[in-house]
Protein backbone atom coordinates (compact mmCIF):
# COMPACT_ATOMS: atom_id res chain seq x y z
CA MET A 1 213.96 46.90 166.63
CA SER A 2 215.39 43.72 164.78
CA LYS A 3 214.51 41.48 167.73
CA ASN A 4 210.92 42.06 166.97
CA ILE A 5 211.29 40.56 163.50
CA VAL A 6 209.64 37.20 163.22
CA ARG A 7 211.08 35.05 160.20
CA PHE A 8 208.85 32.75 158.50
CA PRO A 9 210.30 29.42 156.96
CA LYS A 10 211.03 29.67 153.55
CA ARG A 11 211.15 25.90 152.73
CA SER A 12 210.05 22.59 154.11
CA GLY A 13 213.52 22.01 155.31
CA ASP A 14 213.46 25.06 157.42
CA ARG A 15 210.12 24.49 158.68
CA LYS A 16 211.55 20.99 159.87
CA ARG A 17 214.67 22.42 161.26
CA LEU A 18 212.69 24.78 163.59
CA GLU A 19 210.18 22.12 164.58
CA ALA A 20 213.13 19.73 165.58
CA LYS A 21 214.21 22.62 167.96
CA GLU A 22 210.97 22.37 169.53
CA GLY A 23 210.80 18.66 169.93
CA LYS A 24 208.45 18.03 167.25
CA LEU A 25 208.81 15.38 164.34
CA SER A 26 205.95 15.91 161.89
CA CYS A 27 204.42 13.22 159.57
CA GLU A 28 205.10 13.69 156.21
CA VAL A 29 201.50 12.95 155.22
CA SER A 30 199.21 13.83 157.67
CA GLU A 31 198.50 16.23 160.73
CA ARG A 32 200.04 14.28 163.35
CA TRP A 33 203.38 14.56 164.84
CA ILE A 34 205.58 13.01 167.68
CA LYS A 35 206.22 15.30 170.61
CA PHE A 36 209.53 14.72 172.42
CA PRO A 37 210.02 15.42 175.96
CA SER A 38 212.77 18.29 176.99
CA ALA A 39 214.52 15.29 178.53
CA SER A 40 214.95 11.73 178.73
CA ASP A 41 214.74 9.72 182.12
CA LYS A 42 217.34 7.29 183.10
CA PHE A 43 216.74 4.52 185.50
CA ASP A 44 219.32 1.76 186.11
CA ASP A 45 220.80 1.09 182.95
CA ILE A 46 217.88 2.11 180.69
CA GLU A 47 217.21 5.68 179.34
CA TYR A 48 213.41 5.94 178.72
CA LEU A 49 211.70 8.58 176.17
CA SER A 50 208.24 9.56 176.78
CA LEU A 51 206.94 10.28 173.22
CA ASP A 52 203.45 11.94 172.54
CA VAL A 53 201.66 11.23 169.51
CA MET A 54 199.79 14.35 168.68
CA THR A 55 197.09 15.41 166.27
CA ARG A 56 194.99 18.90 165.51
CA GLY A 57 191.51 18.78 166.97
CA SER A 58 188.44 19.67 165.57
CA ASN A 59 189.02 23.15 167.64
CA ASP A 60 192.32 23.77 165.87
CA LYS A 61 194.33 22.98 169.33
CA ASP A 62 196.88 20.29 169.74
CA ARG A 63 195.45 17.02 171.03
CA LYS A 64 197.13 13.99 172.55
CA ILE A 65 196.25 10.79 170.83
CA CYS A 66 198.55 8.64 173.01
CA GLU A 67 201.70 8.21 174.76
CA ILE A 68 204.73 5.64 174.12
CA ILE A 69 207.36 5.11 176.54
CA ILE A 70 210.56 3.61 174.67
CA ASP A 71 214.09 2.68 175.44
CA LYS A 72 216.04 5.71 173.80
CA GLN A 73 219.27 3.30 173.15
CA GLN A 74 217.24 0.67 171.29
CA LEU A 75 215.60 3.31 169.43
CA LEU A 76 219.01 4.80 168.18
CA LYS A 77 220.27 1.14 167.58
CA MET A 78 217.17 0.32 165.38
CA LEU A 79 217.52 3.49 163.36
CA ALA A 80 221.26 2.82 162.49
CA GLU A 81 220.54 -0.46 161.48
CA LEU A 82 217.40 0.11 159.36
CA PRO A 83 218.05 -0.59 155.67
CA VAL A 84 216.99 2.18 153.16
CA ASN A 85 214.83 1.66 149.97
CA ASP A 86 216.26 4.06 147.42
CA ARG A 87 213.40 5.32 145.65
CA THR A 88 215.06 8.22 144.09
CA LYS A 89 216.21 6.23 141.03
CA THR A 90 213.01 4.98 140.24
């Protein structure tokens, strides 16, 4: 019986964690998100990620705005080197 119980996220952190498991990274200020693939594609020495930029359409269904194909290692490097503007102290 407990297998049929659906637990709803209590906090935004829980919601974000659940969405991340589904390959979804939501925008913090709009109804848009990045949909990640289930796997990357490796060719020669580059590992590609095909990312879909999504939104909710007027009929309340998911709608793809565009697709971007990026180098996964380059993205990881850029994120690791990105400085932080700490706004918690203002």
